[in-house]
Amino acid sequence: EGRQCALKVAKAEEFEAMKERAIDADVADELSTSIYVAEQQRRKEAEAILAASGEEVEAAREALEVLYSNDLQPEASASASEEDASDLELWWKVEAAQVQGKTTTWIIENILGKKGRKFSEGKKQLEELLNKFGGQEL
């Protein structure tokens, strides 16, 4: 009877050790998967930045040029200049989101802050930004 008890204890210990090894393997697998996904995301972002066309860079340069030339003109309509600066800042955020592969819906909801009933208003605002600074379709 003592031998049977010892055998049961040994089997229980072996089972616990197997469970622990399985948990350790799952954790290691989960970590390696997370690391791989993060590396792939960084690689895609880097490729998108490197693939940015000269046209996009030129559009950003022209927008900055307009902004600075408005600042240099004396009393040239401060409210329009502030609106342009605000629009330009939004445009930069939109372009960054595009480079990251974000959808039009995500941009409208998260950058322009137009959700629900205001979504169509956000769509129009995005089109205006595209016409003003971008020229390319989303």
Protein backbone atom coordinates (compact mmCIF):
# COMPACT_ATOMS: atom_id res chain seq x y z
CA GLU A 1 0.00 0.00 0.00
CA GLY A 2 2.90 2.37 0.74
CA ARG A 3 4.31 1.56 -2.64
CA GLN A 4 1.01 2.50 -4.35
CA CYS A 5 0.93 5.84 -2.50
CA ALA A 6 4.49 6.58 -3.55
CA LEU A 7 3.59 5.70 -7.15
CA LYS A 8 0.56 8.03 -7.07
CA VAL A 9 2.67 10.88 -5.67
CA ALA A 10 5.33 10.32 -8.33
CA LYS A 11 2.71 10.34 -11.09
CA ALA A 12 1.14 13.52 -9.70
CA GLU A 13 4.54 15.23 -9.56
CA GLU A 14 5.31 14.11 -13.11
CA PHE A 15 1.93 15.43 -14.28
CA GLU A 16 2.54 18.81 -12.58
CA ALA A 17 5.99 19.04 -14.18
CA MET A 18 4.47 18.33 -17.61
CA LYS A 19 1.83 21.02 -17.04
CA GLU A 20 4.49 23.52 -16.05
CA ARG A 21 6.60 22.73 -19.14
CA ALA A 22 3.51 23.14 -21.35
CA ILE A 23 2.73 26.52 -19.77
CA ASP A 24 6.34 27.64 -20.22
CA ALA A 25 6.25 26.59 -23.87
CA ASP A 26 2.97 28.49 -24.42
CA VAL A 27 4.41 31.64 -22.84
CA ALA A 28 7.57 31.41 -24.95
CA ASP A 29 5.47 30.89 -28.09
CA GLU A 30 3.24 33.87 -27.24
CA LEU A 31 6.25 36.11 -26.65
CA SER A 32 7.96 35.12 -29.87
CA THR A 33 4.73 35.68 -31.81
CA SER A 34 4.30 39.15 -30.28
CA ILE A 35 7.89 40.06 -31.09
CA TYR A 36 7.49 38.84 -34.67
CA VAL A 37 4.27 40.82 -35.19
CA ALA A 38 5.86 43.98 -33.75
CA GLU A 39 8.90 43.61 -36.02
CA GLN A 40 6.71 43.12 -39.08
CA GLN A 41 4.67 46.23 -38.21
CA ARG A 42 7.83 48.30 -37.80
CA ARG A 43 9.15 46.97 -41.10
CA LYS A 44 5.91 47.92 -42.91
CA GLU A 45 6.00 51.41 -41.39
CA ALA A 46 9.63 51.88 -42.42
CA GLU A 47 8.90 50.67 -45.96
CA ALA A 48 5.94 53.05 -46.20
CA ILE A 49 8.10 55.96 -45.09
CA LEU A 50 10.82 55.05 -47.57
CA ALA A 51 8.24 54.63 -50.32
CA ALA A 52 6.72 58.07 -49.76
CA SER A 53 6.71 59.70 -53.15
CA GLY A 54 8.48 62.89 -54.00
CA GLU A 55 5.05 64.36 -54.72
CA GLU A 56 4.01 63.89 -51.09
CA VAL A 57 7.22 65.50 -49.89
CA GLU A 58 6.75 68.34 -52.37
CA ALA A 59 3.13 68.87 -51.25
CA ALA A 60 4.26 69.15 -47.63
CA ARG A 61 7.02 71.59 -48.63
CA GLU A 62 4.57 73.75 -50.57
CA ALA A 63 2.14 73.75 -47.65
CA LEU A 64 4.92 74.93 -45.35
CA GLU A 65 5.97 77.56 -47.86
CA VAL A 66 2.41 78.92 -47.99
CA LEU A 67 2.23 78.91 -44.22
CA TYR A 68 5.52 80.80 -43.83
CA SER A 69 4.77 83.26 -46.62
CA ASN A 70 1.46 84.09 -44.92
CA ASP A 71 3.31 84.72 -41.67
CA LEU A 72 5.71 87.12 -43.41
CA GLN A 73 2.95 89.23 -44.98
CA PRO A 74 1.88 92.08 -42.67
CA GLU A 75 -1.62 91.68 -41.23
CA ALA A 76 -2.61 89.26 -44.00
CA SER A 77 -5.76 87.95 -42.35
CA ALA A 78 -4.77 86.29 -39.11
CA SER A 79 -7.87 84.11 -38.90
CA ALA A 80 -7.27 82.62 -42.36
CA SER A 81 -3.65 81.96 -41.46
CA GLU A 82 -4.66 80.24 -38.21
CA GLU A 83 -7.21 78.16 -40.10
CA ASP A 84 -4.56 77.17 -42.66
CA ALA A 85 -2.17 76.19 -39.87
CA SER A 86 -4.88 74.11 -38.22
CA ASP A 87 -5.75 72.47 -41.54
CA LEU A 88 -2.08 71.82 -42.25
CA GLU A 89 -1.63 70.17 -38.86
CA LEU A 90 -4.66 67.96 -39.56
CA TRP A 91 -3.28 67.14 -43.00
CA TRP A 92 0.03 66.01 -41.51
CA LYS A 93 -1.83 63.71 -39.14
CA VAL A 94 -3.91 62.37 -42.05
CA GLU A 95 -0.78 61.72 -44.13
CA ALA A 96 0.93 59.96 -41.22
CA ALA A 97 -2.14 57.74 -40.80
CA GLN A 98 -2.16 56.97 -44.53
CA VAL A 99 1.50 55.96 -44.37
CA GLN A 100 0.63 53.63 -41.49
CA GLY A 101 -2.10 52.08 -43.63
CA LYS A 102 -5.08 53.41 -41.68
CA THR A 103 -8.47 53.36 -43.42
CA THR A 104 -10.49 56.41 -44.42
CA THR A 105 -13.04 55.53 -41.75
CA TRP A 106 -10.33 55.36 -39.08
CA ILE A 107 -8.95 58.74 -40.17
CA ILE A 108 -12.38 60.41 -40.11
CA GLU A 109 -13.29 58.98 -36.71
CA ASN A 110 -9.96 59.24 -34.89
CA ILE A 111 -8.14 62.20 -36.43
CA LEU A 112 -11.02 64.42 -37.50
CA GLY A 113 -13.16 63.28 -34.56
CA LYS A 114 -16.32 62.85 -36.64
CA LYS A 115 -18.25 59.79 -35.53
CA GLY A 116 -21.84 58.73 -35.86
CA ARG A 117 -24.09 61.43 -37.28
CA LYS A 118 -21.14 63.72 -37.97
CA PHE A 119 -19.34 61.11 -40.10
CA SER A 120 -20.52 62.63 -43.41
CA GLU A 121 -19.33 66.02 -42.21
CA GLY A 122 -15.94 64.44 -41.52
CA LYS A 123 -15.92 62.91 -45.00
CA LYS A 124 -16.42 66.38 -46.52
CA GLN A 125 -13.71 67.82 -44.29
CA LEU A 126 -11.30 65.09 -45.39
CA GLU A 127 -12.10 65.78 -49.06
CA GLU A 128 -11.43 69.48 -48.49
CA LEU A 129 -8.07 68.66 -46.90
CA LEU A 130 -7.22 66.40 -49.84
CA ASN A 131 -8.12 69.12 -52.33
CA LYS A 132 -6.23 71.76 -50.39
CA PHE A 133 -3.00 69.90 -49.62
CA GLY A 134 -2.95 66.44 -51.13
CA GLY A 135 -4.46 66.02 -54.51
CA GLN A 136 -4.31 62.23 -54.25
CA GLU A 137 -7.15 59.89 -53.39
CA LEU A 138 -7.29 57.91 -50.17
